[in-house]
Protein backbone atom coordinates (compact mmCIF):
# COMPACT_ATOMS: atom_id res chain seq x y z
CA UNK A 1 96.47 89.31 169.71
CA UNK A 2 94.09 90.30 166.59
CA UNK A 3 95.77 92.80 165.68
CA UNK A 4 99.39 91.44 166.12
CA UNK A 5 98.25 88.68 163.52
CA UNK A 6 97.17 91.28 160.96
CA UNK A 7 100.09 92.87 161.22
CA UNK A 8 102.35 89.84 160.87
CA UNK A 9 100.01 88.63 157.54
CA UNK A 10 100.63 91.98 155.89
CA UNK A 11 103.86 91.77 156.45
CA UNK A 12 103.99 88.72 154.62
CA UNK A 13 102.28 89.69 151.81
CA UNK A 14 104.01 92.77 151.43
CA UNK A 15 107.64 90.86 152.02
CA UNK A 16 106.47 88.01 148.80
CA UNK A 17 104.93 90.86 146.88
CA UNK A 18 108.44 93.01 146.84
CA UNK A 19 110.14 89.30 146.34
CA UNK A 20 108.22 88.73 142.93
CA UNK A 21 109.16 91.75 141.91
CA UNK A 22 111.40 92.87 139.06
CA UNK A 23 111.53 93.04 135.53
CA UNK A 24 108.66 93.07 132.99
CA UNK A 25 108.49 90.69 129.85
CA UNK A 26 109.34 93.48 127.63
CA UNK A 27 111.88 94.88 129.90
CA UNK A 28 113.91 91.61 129.80
CA UNK A 29 113.16 91.23 125.97
CA UNK A 30 115.44 94.80 125.84
CA UNK A 31 117.89 94.20 128.99
CA UNK A 32 118.92 91.00 126.44
CA UNK A 33 119.26 92.42 122.87
CA UNK A 34 121.22 95.43 124.80
CA UNK A 35 123.19 93.03 126.18
CA UNK A 36 124.18 91.02 123.20
CA UNK A 37 124.56 94.24 121.03
CA UNK A 38 127.28 95.06 123.78
CA UNK A 39 129.02 90.98 123.92
CA UNK A 40 129.10 91.19 120.33
CA UNK A 41 131.17 94.81 120.42
CA UNK A 42 133.43 93.43 122.79
CA UNK A 43 134.20 90.19 121.03
CA UNK A 44 134.84 91.88 118.56
CA UNK A 45 137.36 94.07 120.15
CA UNK A 46 139.53 91.72 122.71
CA UNK A 47 139.08 88.77 120.10
CA UNK A 48 140.14 89.83 116.88
CA UNK A 49 143.95 88.54 117.85
CA UNK A 50 143.22 84.84 118.91
CA UNK A 51 141.01 85.32 115.60
CA UNK A 52 143.04 86.10 113.40
CA UNK A 53 146.35 84.33 114.43
CA UNK A 54 143.77 81.40 114.60
CA UNK A 55 145.17 80.99 118.34
CA UNK A 56 143.04 80.42 121.59
CA UNK A 57 145.24 80.59 124.87
CA UNK A 58 143.47 80.25 128.19
CA UNK A 59 146.76 79.83 130.86
CA UNK A 60 149.45 77.62 130.18
CA UNK A 61 147.62 76.00 126.94
CA UNK A 62 147.24 77.07 122.97
CA UNK A 63 144.21 75.45 120.77
CA UNK A 64 145.27 76.09 117.04
CA UNK A 65 142.68 76.17 115.29
CA UNK A 66 141.22 76.20 111.06
CA UNK A 67 138.03 76.85 109.52
CA UNK A 68 136.73 76.64 106.20
CA UNK A 69 132.98 78.12 105.14
CA UNK A 70 130.98 76.48 103.07
CA UNK A 71 127.90 77.53 101.07
CA UNK A 72 125.26 80.39 101.85
CA UNK A 73 124.70 81.33 104.69
CA UNK A 74 120.28 80.75 105.83
CA UNK A 75 118.58 83.61 107.02
CA UNK A 76 118.87 82.13 110.90
CA UNK A 77 123.12 81.97 110.62
CA UNK A 78 125.64 79.13 109.67
CA UNK A 79 126.02 75.90 111.26
CA UNK A 80 128.75 74.37 112.40
CA UNK A 81 130.44 71.52 112.84
CA UNK A 82 133.80 70.80 115.23
CA UNK A 83 136.07 68.23 113.70
CA UNK A 84 137.84 66.43 116.24
CA UNK A 85 141.51 64.76 114.85
CA UNK A 86 143.25 61.29 115.74
CA UNK A 87 146.99 60.57 117.17
CA UNK A 88 147.18 61.22 121.05
CA UNK A 89 150.07 59.42 123.16
CA UNK A 90 151.93 60.82 120.54
CA UNK A 91 154.88 63.17 119.60
CA UNK A 92 154.00 66.25 118.36
CA UNK A 93 154.78 66.06 115.29
CA UNK A 94 152.26 62.30 114.81
CA UNK A 95 149.47 65.15 115.98
CA UNK A 96 150.35 67.96 113.80
CA UNK A 97 149.62 65.64 111.28
CA UNK A 98 146.49 64.50 112.28
CA UNK A 99 145.13 67.40 112.41
CA UNK A 100 146.36 67.70 108.85
CA UNK A 101 144.75 65.64 108.11
CA UNK A 102 141.65 66.14 109.56
CA UNK A 103 141.27 69.31 107.72
CA UNK A 104 140.66 66.60 104.27
CA UNK A 105 138.47 64.30 105.91
CA UNK A 106 134.44 66.50 106.08
CA UNK A 107 133.31 68.58 103.64
CA UNK A 108 129.69 70.00 104.85
CA UNK A 109 127.11 71.53 101.94
CA UNK A 110 127.12 74.73 104.19
CA UNK A 111 128.29 75.64 108.00
CA UNK A 112 131.47 76.52 108.61
CA UNK A 113 134.07 73.71 109.27
CA UNK A 114 136.35 73.84 112.28
CA UNK A 115 139.43 71.64 113.04
CA UNK A 116 141.60 72.49 116.53
CA UNK A 117 144.17 71.06 117.47
CA UNK A 118 144.21 69.67 120.53
CA UNK A 119 146.44 71.50 123.58
CA UNK A 120 148.60 68.84 124.19
CA UNK A 121 150.03 64.88 122.89
CA UNK A 122 148.14 62.76 125.64
CA UNK A 123 145.99 59.62 124.69
CA UNK A 124 143.55 62.27 126.08
CA UNK A 125 143.66 64.53 123.70
CA UNK A 126 139.67 65.29 123.96
CA UNK A 127 138.68 64.95 127.22
CA UNK A 128 141.07 66.56 129.64
CA UNK A 129 139.20 69.63 131.27
CA UNK A 130 140.24 72.14 129.62
CA UNK A 131 138.72 71.05 125.99
CA UNK A 132 135.19 71.71 127.27
CA UNK A 133 136.46 75.58 127.78
CA UNK A 134 138.24 76.12 124.20
CA UNK A 135 135.76 74.35 122.97
CA UNK A 136 133.38 76.92 124.70
CA UNK A 137 134.80 79.67 124.18
CA UNK A 138 135.75 78.74 120.09
CA UNK A 139 131.75 78.93 119.76
CA UNK A 140 131.01 81.99 121.73
CA UNK A 141 133.67 83.79 119.22
CA UNK A 142 132.22 82.21 116.25
CA UNK A 143 129.02 82.89 116.80
CA UNK A 144 129.92 86.84 117.12
CA UNK A 145 132.91 86.80 113.85
CA UNK A 146 131.34 84.20 111.29
CA UNK A 147 127.12 84.52 112.22
CA UNK A 148 126.84 81.59 113.64
CA UNK A 149 123.61 79.62 114.82
CA UNK A 150 124.08 78.91 118.47
CA UNK A 151 121.42 76.37 118.06
CA UNK A 152 123.60 74.33 115.02
CA UNK A 153 126.48 73.57 116.13
CA UNK A 154 127.80 70.36 115.87
CA UNK A 155 131.04 67.90 117.40
CA UNK A 156 132.69 65.07 115.17
CA UNK A 157 135.47 63.14 115.42
CA UNK A 158 137.84 60.30 114.44
CA UNK A 159 140.08 57.89 116.40
CA UNK A 160 140.89 60.10 119.38
CA UNK A 161 138.88 62.46 118.18
CA UNK A 162 136.01 60.36 118.27
CA UNK A 163 137.53 59.35 122.04
CA UNK A 164 136.13 62.90 122.13
CA UNK A 165 133.02 62.66 121.08
CA UNK A 166 132.09 60.36 123.10
CA UNK A 167 132.89 62.11 126.42
CA UNK A 168 131.98 65.44 125.68
CA UNK A 169 128.88 64.46 123.43
CA UNK A 170 127.19 63.81 126.51
CA UNK A 171 128.78 66.74 129.35
CA UNK A 172 128.11 69.47 126.71
CA UNK A 173 125.07 68.13 125.36
CA UNK A 174 123.53 70.98 126.17
CA UNK A 175 125.59 73.13 123.17
CA UNK A 176 125.64 70.22 120.51
CA UNK A 177 122.65 69.96 117.73
CA UNK A 178 124.40 66.12 117.51
CA UNK A 179 127.20 64.38 117.95
CA UNK A 180 129.25 62.10 115.74
CA UNK A 181 131.39 59.73 116.65
CA UNK A 182 134.25 58.21 114.29
CA UNK A 183 136.71 54.65 115.16
CA UNK A 184 136.52 55.67 118.64
CA UNK A 185 136.43 54.48 122.10
CA UNK A 186 134.28 55.30 125.17
CA UNK A 187 135.80 55.11 128.09
CA UNK A 188 134.49 55.45 131.22
CA UNK A 189 131.65 57.76 129.32
CA UNK A 190 128.29 57.34 129.61
CA UNK A 191 125.39 57.76 127.38
CA UNK A 192 122.11 59.09 129.80
CA UNK A 193 122.55 62.69 129.23
CA UNK A 194 121.71 62.50 125.68
CA UNK A 195 118.53 62.70 125.64
CA UNK A 196 118.39 65.78 123.73
CA UNK A 197 121.16 65.25 121.45
CA UNK A 198 120.78 63.18 118.33
CA UNK A 199 124.08 60.91 118.43
CA UNK A 200 125.94 58.50 116.16
CA UNK A 201 128.52 55.46 115.59
CA UNK A 202 130.52 54.57 113.06
CA UNK A 203 133.18 51.60 113.44
CA UNK A 204 134.87 49.41 111.05
CA UNK A 205 133.52 45.95 111.99
CA UNK A 206 137.52 44.29 112.16
CA UNK A 207 138.12 47.53 114.01
CA UNK A 208 139.57 45.14 117.18
CA UNK A 209 141.72 47.16 118.92
CA UNK A 210 141.17 48.59 122.21
CA UNK A 211 137.61 46.62 121.71
CA UNK A 212 136.11 49.28 119.73
CA UNK A 213 134.07 47.36 117.74
CA UNK A 214 132.69 45.63 120.69
CA UNK A 215 131.86 48.45 123.08
CA UNK A 216 129.97 50.39 119.77
CA UNK A 217 127.36 47.62 119.33
CA UNK A 218 127.49 48.08 122.94
CA UNK A 219 126.80 51.33 123.75
CA UNK A 220 124.47 51.32 120.56
CA UNK A 221 122.16 49.02 122.93
CA UNK A 222 122.95 52.18 126.19
CA UNK A 223 121.13 53.79 124.12
CA UNK A 224 117.96 51.77 122.43
CA UNK A 225 117.12 51.00 126.05
CA UNK A 226 117.29 54.77 127.56
CA UNK A 227 115.60 55.09 124.03
CA UNK A 228 112.94 52.27 124.74
CA UNK A 229 112.43 54.51 128.50
CA UNK A 230 111.96 57.64 126.48
CA UNK A 231 110.84 57.18 122.66
CA UNK A 232 110.93 61.31 121.62
CA UNK A 233 114.18 60.95 122.99
CA UNK A 234 117.66 59.75 122.26
CA UNK A 235 118.07 59.78 118.70
CA UNK A 236 121.23 57.44 117.55
CA UNK A 237 122.37 55.06 114.84
CA UNK A 238 125.02 52.37 115.00
CA UNK A 239 126.90 51.97 112.01
CA UNK A 240 128.99 48.90 112.39
CA UNK A 241 130.84 49.04 108.43
CA UNK A 242 131.22 45.74 107.37
CA UNK A 243 134.60 44.44 106.05
CA UNK A 244 136.27 47.33 107.33
CA UNK A 245 139.47 47.45 109.79
CA UNK A 246 139.78 51.39 111.59
CA UNK A 247 140.12 53.37 108.42
CA UNK A 248 136.44 53.12 106.80
CA UNK A 249 136.73 54.72 102.82
CA UNK A 250 135.24 58.10 104.12
CA UNK A 251 131.71 56.04 104.71
CA UNK A 252 131.59 57.91 107.97
CA UNK A 253 131.08 61.37 106.20
CA UNK A 254 127.76 60.40 105.80
CA UNK A 255 127.46 61.27 109.31
CA UNK A 256 127.15 64.78 107.55
CA UNK A 257 124.51 65.11 106.26
CA UNK A 258 122.67 63.35 108.85
CA UNK A 259 123.44 65.86 111.76
CA UNK A 260 122.61 68.19 109.57
CA UNK A 261 118.94 67.32 109.86
CA UNK A 262 118.79 67.96 113.49
CA UNK A 263 118.38 71.89 115.67
CA UNK A 264 118.71 72.20 119.02
CA UNK A 265 116.19 72.85 120.93
CA UNK A 266 118.18 75.22 124.33
CA UNK A 267 114.78 74.63 125.98
CA UNK A 268 113.81 71.04 126.16
CA UNK A 269 111.04 69.80 128.22
CA UNK A 270 113.00 67.47 129.99
CA UNK A 271 116.32 66.84 130.39
CA UNK A 272 118.65 64.61 132.05
CA UNK A 273 121.84 65.39 133.73
CA UNK A 274 124.92 62.98 134.74
CA UNK A 275 127.73 65.17 135.07
CA UNK A 276 131.14 63.63 133.86
CA UNK A 277 134.17 62.84 136.43
CA UNK A 278 135.02 65.99 134.69
CA UNK A 279 132.24 68.83 135.90
CA UNK A 280 130.04 71.34 135.04
CA UNK A 281 127.83 74.15 136.82
CA UNK A 282 124.87 74.58 134.70
CA UNK A 283 123.43 72.02 131.34
CA UNK A 284 120.38 73.36 129.61
CA UNK A 285 118.08 74.92 132.64
CA UNK A 286 119.74 73.30 135.20
CA UNK A 287 122.11 74.57 137.22
CA UNK A 288 124.19 73.72 140.86
CA UNK A 289 126.74 74.78 142.72
CA UNK A 290 128.92 75.20 146.05
CA UNK A 291 128.44 70.88 147.54
CA UNK A 292 126.19 69.53 144.38
CA UNK A 293 128.98 70.23 142.22
CA UNK A 294 129.63 66.74 141.90
CA UNK A 295 131.27 63.97 139.75
CA UNK A 296 129.12 61.30 138.68
CA UNK A 297 125.32 63.47 140.12
CA UNK A 298 122.39 62.39 137.78
CA UNK A 299 120.08 64.95 138.18
CA UNK A 300 116.20 64.20 136.02
CA UNK A 301 113.63 67.30 135.34
CA UNK A 302 111.37 67.92 133.21
CA UNK A 303 108.91 70.95 132.49
CA UNK A 304 105.03 70.92 131.74
CA UNK A 305 102.90 74.25 132.53
CA UNK A 306 103.89 76.28 135.04
CA UNK A 307 104.94 73.15 137.14
CA UNK A 308 108.59 71.98 136.76
CA UNK A 309 109.17 68.22 138.15
CA UNK A 310 112.50 66.98 139.51
CA UNK A 311 111.79 63.29 139.34
CA UNK A 312 115.31 62.13 140.80
CA UNK A 313 118.75 64.47 142.02
CA UNK A 314 121.93 62.53 143.51
CA UNK A 315 122.66 66.13 145.18
CA UNK A 316 121.48 68.94 147.73
CA UNK A 317 121.26 70.70 146.11
CA UNK A 318 119.79 72.46 142.38
CA UNK A 319 119.44 75.35 140.71
CA UNK A 320 115.82 76.11 138.34
CA UNK A 321 116.56 79.14 135.91
CA UNK A 322 113.48 80.00 133.86
CA UNK A 323 112.37 82.18 131.09
CA UNK A 324 109.13 82.94 129.82
CA UNK A 325 109.86 80.97 126.14
CA UNK A 326 109.82 77.63 129.13
CA UNK A 327 106.61 79.20 130.86
CA UNK A 328 105.01 82.31 132.22
CA UNK A 329 106.78 84.20 134.38
CA UNK A 330 103.55 86.14 135.40
CA UNK A 331 101.81 82.91 137.24
CA UNK A 332 102.79 81.21 139.50
CA UNK A 333 105.88 79.04 139.43
CA UNK A 334 105.44 75.23 140.82
CA UNK A 335 108.46 72.99 141.51
CA UNK A 336 107.98 69.27 142.17
CA UNK A 337 109.99 66.12 144.14
CA UNK A 338 108.69 63.43 144.35
CA UNK A 339 104.82 64.83 146.03
CA UNK A 340 106.27 66.99 147.78
CA UNK A 341 105.47 71.15 146.60
CA UNK A 342 109.45 72.59 147.25
CA UNK A 343 108.32 75.97 145.82
CA UNK A 344 104.85 77.61 144.83
CA UNK A 345 104.19 81.56 144.20
CA UNK A 346 105.73 84.21 141.31
CA UNK A 347 109.74 84.41 140.59
CA UNK A 348 110.86 87.71 139.59
CA UNK A 349 112.58 88.38 136.40
CA UNK A 350 116.34 89.93 137.57
CA UNK A 351 118.50 91.21 134.65
CA UNK A 352 121.37 90.13 136.83
CA UNK A 353 120.44 86.13 135.61
CA UNK A 354 120.39 87.49 132.19
CA UNK A 355 123.73 89.09 131.96
CA UNK A 356 125.28 85.78 134.10
CA UNK A 357 123.59 83.69 131.59
CA UNK A 358 125.40 85.13 128.55
CA UNK A 359 128.38 85.70 130.31
CA UNK A 360 128.84 82.14 130.89
CA UNK A 361 128.37 80.88 127.55
CA UNK A 362 128.03 83.56 125.27
CA UNK A 363 124.87 81.67 123.82
CA UNK A 364 122.19 84.68 123.28
CA UNK A 365 120.08 81.66 122.04
CA UNK A 366 119.79 80.40 125.77
CA UNK A 367 119.46 83.08 127.87
CA UNK A 368 117.47 83.30 131.35
CA UNK A 369 116.34 86.03 133.38
CA UNK A 370 114.68 84.60 136.19
CA UNK A 371 116.03 81.61 139.25
CA UNK A 372 114.84 79.15 142.03
CA UNK A 373 117.43 77.29 144.20
CA UNK A 374 115.77 74.86 145.81
CA UNK A 375 116.52 71.74 148.82
CA UNK A 376 116.06 68.14 147.99
CA UNK A 377 114.47 66.64 150.69
CA UNK A 378 117.14 63.73 151.83
C-alpha cells in the first residue's frame, strides 16, 4: 500500500511539473517581438489595397474612411481619434453629407483624426455588431501604417455618432484611452464597463428631442454613483451647454484636449465587464467562451500581487489571461471566488496564447502568454 501511495504521489508531482512547463519570460519576450514583426509585415502587404482605397470591406458591408494627420509623432507613436458622424435613418446622401461635416468638426494638436462612413443608413448607424469588427480592423491597420500608439486611441461622436459612443464606449472600453459623447442618446446602454475608461458627456441644455438632455443628466448621475464606489475609476464629466440645442457651436471641441490627457492601461488592476446585447469574447484580461458568452452578463475581478479575485460573475466559466506585467508567472498564482480557492499553482507560458491574443486584436501592447479557465461555483 505504501509503495502504491508513493507511486501515486510521484505521478501527481510529475504531472504537475509537466503542466507547469512552458516558455520562460525571456522566451515570451522574443516570441512576442518576432510575432509583432511578422504581423506588421503581413498587414502591410495584405491590407495595402484597403488603405490606399480607404475602404474596409467585411462580408457584404463596406466602411469608407478618411483621415488626416496633425502634429509631430511622439516617441511612443501617434494618437488616434475616431470620430463618428451623425445622421441615420435617412437616405445615403444625407448621411454622406454628415460624414463630410464630421471631417471638419475637430482638430487635434497631435494625432490621426479619422472619420469613418457608417456601412449602413439605418437609425442605429454606429452600434450594430459589425461596427466593433470594423473599428478593430481600422485600429489594427493604423497601428501598422501610421505608427499609432494602441494605448492612445480615442472615440468621439456627434448626434447619431453620439448614440454610438454611448454604446461602443462601454462595450469596447478596453480599446479606448477615453471616449466623448456629443448630442446623442444612450438607448439601452449602461456605463458599468467604463471603470478604466474616462468618459465625457456634452449636450445642449435645450436639446430635448428624444430627451437627450434628460438622459445625459441621468447618465452623469449613474457615473457619479459608480465613481463613489470606485473613487479611482469612472473618470468623467457631464456638461449641459446653457442656451444651446442640438448644435453646440463647436464648444464641445474641448473634448479633444480633455481626452488627450489620458492613456490606456491595457492591464488594469480591477475590471468590471458588463456585456452588451452585442457580445465580445474578451475584455482586458478576462475572456469567455461557449455558454459563457451571454448578453447582459456581468463579471467583476481584480488582481493583487499573485492573486486574482473574481468578485462576481453571472456566467459559469471565466478565462483569466495573464502575463508577466500583471504578476510573476515564475511563482504560484491563486484564483479566488467568494473565499474559495478555484486555482492555485504555476501557470505555463504558452506561445499559442501570445499568437491568439495578437491575432484577436492586432494590438502589440495587449498580449498575454498564459491563461487559467475556472468554473464558477453555483
